[in-house]
Amino acid sequence: MDTFYVGALVENHADRRKSARISKLLVDTGSEHTWLPSNVLEKIGVTREKKMFLS
């Protein structure tokens, strides 16, 4: 496993006209998820959703 930094363009999947560039995004090759700053997501209109687990 390794880590490195890349530049990235993050888009709001519901409205692709809203996007933000991140110049230094940490990539972990062993990770399943990516963490982004909340202010970047809020800027492009991405809202938090809570997953509901059914039993």
N, C-alpha and C. Protein backbone atom coordinates (compact mmCIF):
# COMPACT_ATOMS: atom_id res chain seq x y z
N MET A 1 0.84 -1.17 0.00
CA MET A 1 0.00 0.00 0.00
C MET A 1 0.89 1.24 0.00
N ASP A 2 0.39 2.29 -0.62
CA ASP A 2 1.19 3.50 -0.74
C ASP A 2 0.28 4.72 -0.69
N THR A 3 0.86 5.88 -0.44
CA THR A 3 0.11 7.13 -0.48
C THR A 3 0.85 8.12 -1.36
N PHE A 4 0.09 9.01 -2.00
CA PHE A 4 0.67 10.07 -2.82
C PHE A 4 -0.38 11.15 -3.00
N TYR A 5 0.00 12.27 -3.58
CA TYR A 5 -0.92 13.39 -3.79
C TYR A 5 -1.16 13.61 -5.27
N VAL A 6 -2.39 14.02 -5.61
CA VAL A 6 -2.75 14.35 -6.99
C VAL A 6 -3.65 15.58 -6.98
N GLY A 7 -3.76 16.22 -8.13
CA GLY A 7 -4.76 17.27 -8.31
C GLY A 7 -6.06 16.60 -8.74
N ALA A 8 -7.20 17.20 -8.39
CA ALA A 8 -8.47 16.57 -8.74
C ALA A 8 -9.55 17.62 -8.98
N LEU A 9 -10.51 17.25 -9.79
CA LEU A 9 -11.72 18.04 -9.99
C LEU A 9 -12.86 17.24 -9.39
N VAL A 10 -13.54 17.82 -8.41
CA VAL A 10 -14.65 17.16 -7.73
C VAL A 10 -15.93 17.78 -8.23
N GLU A 11 -16.87 16.93 -8.68
CA GLU A 11 -18.14 17.42 -9.21
C GLU A 11 -19.30 16.96 -8.35
N ASN A 12 -20.33 17.79 -8.31
CA ASN A 12 -21.60 17.42 -7.70
C ASN A 12 -22.31 16.52 -8.72
N HIS A 13 -22.52 15.24 -8.41
CA HIS A 13 -23.09 14.32 -9.41
C HIS A 13 -24.53 14.67 -9.79
N ALA A 14 -25.23 15.43 -8.94
CA ALA A 14 -26.60 15.83 -9.26
C ALA A 14 -26.63 17.06 -10.16
N ASP A 15 -25.58 17.88 -10.13
CA ASP A 15 -25.50 19.08 -10.95
C ASP A 15 -24.03 19.27 -11.34
N ARG A 16 -23.64 18.67 -12.45
CA ARG A 16 -22.24 18.66 -12.86
C ARG A 16 -21.68 20.03 -13.23
N ARG A 17 -22.54 21.04 -13.27
CA ARG A 17 -22.03 22.40 -13.49
C ARG A 17 -21.32 22.92 -12.25
N LYS A 18 -21.60 22.30 -11.10
CA LYS A 18 -20.98 22.71 -9.84
C LYS A 18 -19.78 21.79 -9.57
N SER A 19 -18.60 22.40 -9.51
CA SER A 19 -17.38 21.62 -9.29
C SER A 19 -16.36 22.46 -8.54
N ALA A 20 -15.32 21.79 -8.04
CA ALA A 20 -14.24 22.46 -7.32
C ALA A 20 -12.94 21.74 -7.62
N ARG A 21 -11.87 22.50 -7.80
CA ARG A 21 -10.54 21.92 -8.00
C ARG A 21 -9.85 21.79 -6.65
N ILE A 22 -9.22 20.65 -6.45
CA ILE A 22 -8.40 20.42 -5.26
C ILE A 22 -6.99 20.19 -5.76
N SER A 23 -6.07 21.05 -5.36
CA SER A 23 -4.72 20.97 -5.91
C SER A 23 -3.88 19.86 -5.29
N LYS A 24 -4.19 19.47 -4.06
CA LYS A 24 -3.36 18.46 -3.39
C LYS A 24 -4.26 17.51 -2.61
N LEU A 25 -4.72 16.45 -3.28
CA LEU A 25 -5.61 15.47 -2.68
C LEU A 25 -4.81 14.22 -2.34
N LEU A 26 -4.89 13.79 -1.09
CA LEU A 26 -4.17 12.60 -0.64
C LEU A 26 -4.86 11.34 -1.16
N VAL A 27 -4.08 10.48 -1.79
CA VAL A 27 -4.58 9.19 -2.30
C VAL A 27 -3.89 8.08 -1.52
N ASP A 28 -4.68 7.16 -0.99
CA ASP A 28 -4.16 5.99 -0.29
C ASP A 28 -4.59 4.77 -1.09
N THR A 29 -3.65 4.05 -1.66
CA THR A 29 -3.98 2.95 -2.56
C THR A 29 -4.69 1.79 -1.85
N GLY A 30 -4.65 1.76 -0.52
CA GLY A 30 -5.33 0.70 0.22
C GLY A 30 -6.67 1.12 0.78
N SER A 31 -7.10 2.34 0.48
CA SER A 31 -8.33 2.86 1.07
C SER A 31 -9.52 2.64 0.15
N GLU A 32 -10.69 2.49 0.73
CA GLU A 32 -11.93 2.35 -0.04
C GLU A 32 -12.69 3.66 -0.15
N HIS A 33 -12.33 4.67 0.65
CA HIS A 33 -13.05 5.95 0.69
C HIS A 33 -12.06 7.10 0.58
N THR A 34 -12.57 8.24 0.16
CA THR A 34 -11.78 9.47 0.09
C THR A 34 -12.43 10.51 0.97
N TRP A 35 -11.62 11.23 1.71
CA TRP A 35 -12.11 12.31 2.57
C TRP A 35 -11.82 13.63 1.90
N LEU A 36 -12.83 14.49 1.83
CA LEU A 36 -12.69 15.82 1.25
C LEU A 36 -13.10 16.86 2.29
N PRO A 37 -12.51 18.05 2.24
CA PRO A 37 -12.91 19.10 3.19
C PRO A 37 -14.39 19.45 3.06
N SER A 38 -15.08 19.58 4.18
CA SER A 38 -16.51 19.85 4.15
C SER A 38 -16.83 21.18 3.47
N ASN A 39 -15.95 22.19 3.61
CA ASN A 39 -16.23 23.48 2.98
C ASN A 39 -16.21 23.38 1.46
N VAL A 40 -15.40 22.47 0.91
CA VAL A 40 -15.37 22.26 -0.54
C VAL A 40 -16.69 21.62 -1.00
N LEU A 41 -17.15 20.62 -0.28
CA LEU A 41 -18.40 19.95 -0.64
C LEU A 41 -19.60 20.89 -0.50
N GLU A 42 -19.61 21.69 0.56
CA GLU A 42 -20.70 22.65 0.74
C GLU A 42 -20.71 23.68 -0.39
N LYS A 43 -19.52 24.11 -0.82
CA LYS A 43 -19.40 25.10 -1.89
C LYS A 43 -20.05 24.62 -3.20
N ILE A 44 -19.96 23.32 -3.47
CA ILE A 44 -20.52 22.79 -4.72
C ILE A 44 -21.89 22.15 -4.52
N GLY A 45 -22.46 22.33 -3.33
CA GLY A 45 -23.84 21.90 -3.09
C GLY A 45 -24.02 20.44 -2.74
N VAL A 46 -22.97 19.78 -2.30
CA VAL A 46 -23.09 18.37 -1.87
C VAL A 46 -23.55 18.37 -0.42
N THR A 47 -24.63 17.67 -0.14
CA THR A 47 -25.17 17.62 1.21
C THR A 47 -24.91 16.26 1.85
N ARG A 48 -24.91 16.25 3.17
CA ARG A 48 -24.71 15.00 3.91
C ARG A 48 -25.99 14.18 3.88
N GLU A 49 -25.81 12.89 3.75
CA GLU A 49 -26.94 11.96 3.83
C GLU A 49 -26.57 10.86 4.80
N LYS A 50 -27.52 10.45 5.58
CA LYS A 50 -27.29 9.36 6.51
C LYS A 50 -27.87 8.08 5.93
N LYS A 51 -27.04 7.04 5.88
CA LYS A 51 -27.52 5.75 5.37
C LYS A 51 -28.44 5.09 6.37
N MET A 52 -29.51 4.53 5.88
CA MET A 52 -30.43 3.79 6.73
C MET A 52 -30.18 2.30 6.50
N PHE A 53 -29.91 1.60 7.56
CA PHE A 53 -29.68 0.15 7.47
C PHE A 53 -30.95 -0.58 7.90
N LEU A 54 -31.42 -1.43 7.05
CA LEU A 54 -32.62 -2.23 7.36
C LEU A 54 -32.21 -3.59 7.87
N SER A 55 -32.90 -4.05 8.89
CA SER A 55 -32.56 -5.38 9.43
C SER A 55 -33.49 -6.43 8.91
